[in-house]
Amino acid sequence: MKGKIMTGMIVGAFLFALLAVIGSSWMTASEDGIEANYGLNEAEIEITFMGETVSDTAKYSDADCDMDEEMCELATAGTIGTIGLWVGILMAGTYAAMMIMPMVGNDSMDAIPEIGQKIISWGAGGMMLLGTIGWMIMAPEMPDEFGYGMSFFMAMFAGLLGLAAPLMDMFVPADGE
């Protein structure tokens, strides 16, 4: 039972991190008919005025760093967050395979040395958290109207869930299955 719970936790971390990395609401703001969503790679602004809605999307890579320093800082933060999350996603996928393959009778993942298995198991959640916290540190200081969005919280939850699986393996005794 412990193995199945751990597998569910790491698959959940994998899915939440995947949703977070493709999500566009890492930082959000809403005021007087204007909604702004900042993702890892682009910003989206939607303005509603007299019943008409106009939206615009800007990619951070298109920004001129000499003219718009804030967009360049968001691009750097987004790159750090994207790299950390993708490495964490790859490690979570490998960790899930390490736990699922023996359940179906395939022992091919046993070829990975024990130290490699430990690095993969702890690195999945650790890299997700590292990417998320790295984004948080590197993102420019925003006004008080801005807050963290759902994608940010999904990434944090994915990292914590990814770390909870090896913690459970370490502290919860096996149940004899």
Protein backbone atom coordinates (compact mmCIF):
# COMPACT_ATOMS: atom_id res chain seq x y z
CA MET A 1 0.00 0.00 0.00
CA LYS A 2 2.87 2.37 0.83
CA GLY A 3 4.31 1.96 -2.69
CA LYS A 4 0.98 2.75 -4.32
CA ILE A 5 0.53 5.89 -2.22
CA MET A 6 4.06 7.04 -3.05
CA THR A 7 3.42 6.36 -6.73
CA GLY A 8 0.24 8.43 -6.59
CA MET A 9 2.12 11.25 -4.89
CA ILE A 10 4.89 11.38 -7.47
CA VAL A 11 2.48 11.08 -10.42
CA GLY A 12 0.46 13.93 -8.85
CA ALA A 13 3.63 16.00 -8.52
CA PHE A 14 4.43 15.25 -12.17
CA LEU A 15 0.98 16.39 -13.33
CA PHE A 16 0.87 19.53 -11.16
CA ALA A 17 4.34 20.56 -12.33
CA LEU A 18 3.36 19.97 -15.95
CA LEU A 19 0.27 22.15 -15.50
CA ALA A 20 2.34 24.82 -13.76
CA VAL A 21 5.03 25.01 -16.43
CA ILE A 22 2.47 25.49 -19.22
CA GLY A 23 0.22 27.76 -17.13
CA SER A 24 0.02 31.50 -17.67
CA SER A 25 -0.88 32.71 -14.20
CA TRP A 26 2.33 32.82 -12.20
CA MET A 27 1.67 36.44 -11.24
CA THR A 28 -1.74 38.07 -11.59
CA ALA A 29 -3.41 41.41 -11.08
CA SER A 30 -6.94 42.68 -11.58
CA GLU A 31 -8.10 46.27 -11.20
CA ASP A 32 -10.81 48.43 -12.80
CA GLY A 33 -11.50 46.15 -15.78
CA ILE A 34 -7.84 45.36 -16.42
CA GLU A 35 -6.55 41.84 -15.84
CA ALA A 36 -2.88 40.93 -16.17
CA ASN A 37 -1.43 37.41 -16.09
CA TYR A 38 2.30 36.84 -16.14
CA GLY A 39 3.52 33.36 -17.04
CA LEU A 40 7.01 31.92 -17.35
CA ASN A 41 7.40 32.94 -21.01
CA GLU A 42 4.77 35.56 -21.75
CA ALA A 43 2.50 38.22 -20.32
CA GLU A 44 -1.19 38.54 -21.13
CA ILE A 45 -3.22 41.70 -20.53
CA GLU A 46 -7.00 41.88 -20.94
CA ILE A 47 -8.87 45.20 -20.82
CA THR A 48 -12.65 45.48 -20.62
CA PHE A 49 -14.11 48.89 -21.40
CA MET A 50 -17.77 49.64 -22.10
CA GLY A 51 -18.57 45.97 -22.72
CA GLU A 52 -15.71 45.47 -25.19
CA THR A 53 -12.79 43.24 -24.29
CA VAL A 54 -9.35 43.65 -25.82
CA SER A 55 -6.46 41.36 -24.99
CA ASP A 56 -2.79 41.38 -25.88
CA THR A 57 -0.02 38.86 -25.35
CA ALA A 58 3.67 39.69 -25.25
CA LYS A 59 6.49 37.16 -25.28
CA TYR A 60 9.41 38.01 -23.01
CA SER A 61 11.89 36.97 -25.72
CA ASP A 62 10.62 39.79 -27.95
CA ALA A 63 11.49 42.46 -25.38
CA ASP A 64 14.24 45.00 -25.99
CA CYS A 65 16.31 44.86 -22.80
CA ASP A 66 17.57 48.41 -23.22
CA MET A 67 14.00 49.75 -23.30
CA ASP A 68 12.12 47.45 -20.94
CA GLU A 69 14.22 46.12 -18.07
CA GLU A 70 11.21 44.61 -16.27
CA MET A 71 10.42 42.30 -19.20
CA CYS A 72 14.04 41.16 -19.32
CA GLU A 73 13.96 40.38 -15.60
CA LEU A 74 10.75 38.41 -16.14
CA ALA A 75 12.42 36.55 -19.03
CA THR A 76 15.38 35.61 -16.82
CA ALA A 77 13.10 34.52 -13.98
CA GLY A 78 10.94 32.55 -16.41
CA THR A 79 13.98 30.76 -17.82
CA ILE A 80 15.11 29.76 -14.33
CA GLY A 81 11.63 28.56 -13.39
CA THR A 82 11.18 26.68 -16.67
CA ILE A 83 14.52 24.87 -16.41
CA GLY A 84 13.97 23.91 -12.77
CA LEU A 85 10.46 22.64 -13.43
CA TRP A 86 11.37 20.68 -16.56
CA VAL A 87 14.30 18.97 -14.82
CA GLY A 88 11.95 18.18 -11.92
CA ILE A 89 9.32 16.85 -14.33
CA LEU A 90 11.86 14.57 -16.02
CA MET A 91 13.07 13.30 -12.65
CA ALA A 92 9.49 12.76 -11.45
CA GLY A 93 8.72 10.78 -14.60
CA THR A 94 11.79 8.63 -14.05
CA TYR A 95 10.93 8.18 -10.36
CA ALA A 96 7.37 7.18 -11.27
CA ALA A 97 8.76 4.64 -13.75
CA MET A 98 11.11 3.32 -11.04
CA MET A 99 8.08 2.67 -8.82
CA ILE A 100 5.57 1.49 -11.45
CA MET A 101 7.80 -0.93 -13.39
CA PRO A 102 8.30 -3.40 -10.48
CA MET A 103 4.52 -3.34 -9.84
CA VAL A 104 3.94 -4.77 -13.31
CA GLY A 105 6.77 -7.31 -13.04
CA ASN A 106 9.48 -5.48 -14.98
CA ASP A 107 12.74 -5.05 -13.04
CA SER A 108 14.65 -3.11 -15.71
CA MET A 109 14.87 0.01 -13.53
CA ASP A 110 16.94 -1.93 -10.98
CA ALA A 111 19.95 -1.29 -13.23
CA ILE A 112 20.07 2.28 -11.89
CA PRO A 113 22.62 2.42 -9.03
CA GLU A 114 21.20 3.08 -5.57
CA ILE A 115 22.79 6.54 -5.34
CA GLY A 116 21.19 7.42 -8.69
CA GLN A 117 17.81 6.28 -7.38
CA LYS A 118 18.25 8.50 -4.31
CA ILE A 119 19.23 11.50 -6.43
CA ILE A 120 16.24 10.98 -8.73
CA SER A 121 13.78 10.51 -5.85
CA TRP A 122 14.88 13.59 -3.90
CA GLY A 123 15.76 15.63 -6.98
CA ALA A 124 12.26 15.49 -8.47
CA GLY A 125 10.61 17.60 -5.79
CA GLY A 126 13.80 19.51 -5.03
CA MET A 127 14.23 20.77 -8.59
CA MET A 128 10.57 21.74 -8.79
CA LEU A 129 10.90 23.80 -5.62
CA LEU A 130 14.27 25.20 -6.72
CA GLY A 131 12.81 26.37 -10.04
CA THR A 132 9.75 27.88 -8.35
CA ILE A 133 11.70 29.66 -5.62
CA GLY A 134 14.32 30.74 -8.18
CA TRP A 135 11.55 32.34 -10.23
CA MET A 136 10.18 34.04 -7.13
CA ILE A 137 13.60 35.49 -6.24
CA MET A 138 14.49 36.58 -9.78
CA ALA A 139 11.10 38.09 -10.71
CA PRO A 140 11.10 41.89 -10.52
CA GLU A 141 9.44 43.65 -7.61
CA MET A 142 5.85 44.28 -8.57
CA PRO A 143 3.28 46.72 -7.13
CA ASP A 144 0.98 45.64 -4.30
CA GLU A 145 -1.91 44.86 -6.68
CA PHE A 146 0.02 41.89 -8.04
CA GLY A 147 -0.17 38.50 -6.37
CA TYR A 148 0.98 34.99 -7.06
CA GLY A 149 -1.28 33.08 -9.42
CA MET A 150 -2.57 29.52 -9.57
CA SER A 151 0.36 28.23 -11.65
CA PHE A 152 2.81 29.39 -8.97
CA PHE A 153 0.88 27.59 -6.24
CA MET A 154 0.59 24.43 -8.38
CA ALA A 155 4.37 24.45 -8.85
CA MET A 156 4.94 24.84 -5.11
CA PHE A 157 2.47 22.03 -4.37
CA ALA A 158 4.14 19.82 -6.99
CA GLY A 159 7.54 20.35 -5.37
CA LEU A 160 6.23 19.63 -1.89
CA LEU A 161 4.38 16.54 -3.12
CA GLY A 162 7.52 15.42 -4.93
CA LEU A 163 9.50 15.70 -1.69
CA ALA A 164 6.77 14.02 0.37
CA ALA A 165 7.13 10.74 -1.56
CA PRO A 166 10.79 10.07 -0.59
CA LEU A 167 10.04 11.35 2.93
CA MET A 168 7.28 8.78 3.18
CA ASP A 169 9.67 6.11 1.93
CA MET A 170 12.16 7.11 4.60
CA PHE A 171 9.87 7.41 7.64
CA VAL A 172 6.83 5.19 7.05
CA PRO A 173 7.51 1.48 7.64
CA ALA A 174 6.71 -1.00 4.89
CA ASP A 175 3.39 -2.79 5.32
CA GLY A 176 4.48 -6.24 4.17
CA GLU A 177 2.80 -6.31 0.73
